[in-house]
Amino acid sequence: MYVTKPFLPPLKELQEYLEDIWTTKKLTKKGNAYHQMQTDKLVGLITNKVT
């Protein structure tokens, strides 16, 4: 039984962000990738918060 089941965007939509993270090797909270995904409205969808 699922208690919650978050919506995740298609993996292809996240691929460019993941590639950038792997290239820069920067895993920071609220860093460049976060801000770019926030601009593109993906953070809210991933964290189950619609912005």
C-alpha atoms as a PDB file:
ATOM      1  CA  MET A   1       0.000   0.000   0.000  1.00  0.00           C
ATOM      2  CA  TYR A   2       1.422   3.374  -1.016  1.00  0.00           C
ATOM      3  CA  VAL A   3       1.163   6.089   1.596  1.00  0.00           C
ATOM      4  CA  THR A   4       2.352   8.674  -0.883  1.00  0.00           C
ATOM      5  CA  LYS A   5       3.427   8.370  -4.465  1.00  0.00           C
ATOM      6  CA  PRO A   6       5.227  11.492  -5.706  1.00  0.00           C
ATOM      7  CA  PHE A   7       5.061  12.603  -9.282  1.00  0.00           C
ATOM      8  CA  LEU A   8       8.434  12.420 -10.997  1.00  0.00           C
ATOM      9  CA  PRO A   9       9.013  14.066 -14.352  1.00  0.00           C
ATOM     10  CA  PRO A  10      10.269  11.871 -17.179  1.00  0.00           C
ATOM     11  CA  LEU A  11      13.924  10.946 -16.741  1.00  0.00           C
ATOM     12  CA  LYS A  12      14.796  12.544 -20.084  1.00  0.00           C
ATOM     13  CA  GLU A  13      13.742  15.924 -18.671  1.00  0.00           C
ATOM     14  CA  LEU A  14      16.229  15.547 -15.819  1.00  0.00           C
ATOM     15  CA  GLN A  15      19.078  14.162 -17.922  1.00  0.00           C
ATOM     16  CA  GLU A  16      20.638  17.551 -18.752  1.00  0.00           C
ATOM     17  CA  TYR A  17      20.615  18.567 -15.087  1.00  0.00           C
ATOM     18  CA  LEU A  18      22.195  15.275 -14.026  1.00  0.00           C
ATOM     19  CA  GLU A  19      24.880  15.588 -16.689  1.00  0.00           C
ATOM     20  CA  ASP A  20      25.753  19.070 -15.438  1.00  0.00           C
ATOM     21  CA  ILE A  21      25.956  17.799 -11.853  1.00  0.00           C
ATOM     22  CA  TRP A  22      28.227  14.930 -12.913  1.00  0.00           C
ATOM     23  CA  THR A  23      30.429  17.296 -14.945  1.00  0.00           C
ATOM     24  CA  THR A  24      30.839  19.898 -12.195  1.00  0.00           C
ATOM     25  CA  LYS A  25      30.804  17.337  -9.346  1.00  0.00           C
ATOM     26  CA  LYS A  26      28.960  19.898  -7.245  1.00  0.00           C
ATOM     27  CA  LEU A  27      26.272  18.428  -5.032  1.00  0.00           C
ATOM     28  CA  THR A  28      25.036  21.367  -3.027  1.00  0.00           C
ATOM     29  CA  LYS A  29      21.681  22.192  -1.580  1.00  0.00           C
ATOM     30  CA  LYS A  30      20.313  25.243  -3.357  1.00  0.00           C
ATOM     31  CA  GLY A  31      23.284  25.315  -5.756  1.00  0.00           C
ATOM     32  CA  ASN A  32      23.381  25.975  -9.501  1.00  0.00           C
ATOM     33  CA  ALA A  33      21.407  22.872 -10.473  1.00  0.00           C
ATOM     34  CA  TYR A  34      18.729  23.648  -7.893  1.00  0.00           C
ATOM     35  CA  HIS A  35      18.345  27.225  -9.094  1.00  0.00           C
ATOM     36  CA  GLN A  36      18.162  26.164 -12.734  1.00  0.00           C
ATOM     37  CA  MET A  37      15.545  23.509 -11.948  1.00  0.00           C
ATOM     38  CA  GLN A  38      13.626  26.068  -9.871  1.00  0.00           C
ATOM     39  CA  THR A  39      13.645  28.433 -12.843  1.00  0.00           C
ATOM     40  CA  ASP A  40      12.396  25.608 -15.039  1.00  0.00           C
ATOM     41  CA  LYS A  41       9.735  24.679 -12.435  1.00  0.00           C
ATOM     42  CA  LEU A  42      11.092  21.149 -11.875  1.00  0.00           C
ATOM     43  CA  VAL A  43      12.020  21.440  -8.189  1.00  0.00           C
ATOM     44  CA  GLY A  44       8.414  21.787  -7.059  1.00  0.00           C
ATOM     45  CA  LEU A  45       7.381  18.767  -9.070  1.00  0.00           C
ATOM     46  CA  ILE A  46      10.196  16.604  -7.738  1.00  0.00           C
ATOM     47  CA  THR A  47       9.653  17.563  -4.112  1.00  0.00           C
ATOM     48  CA  ASN A  48       5.892  17.186  -4.530  1.00  0.00           C
ATOM     49  CA  LYS A  49       5.339  20.918  -4.050  1.00  0.00           C
ATOM     50  CA  VAL A  50       3.758  22.745  -6.936  1.00  0.00           C
ATOM     51  CA  THR A  51       5.193  26.245  -7.153  1.00  0.00           C
END
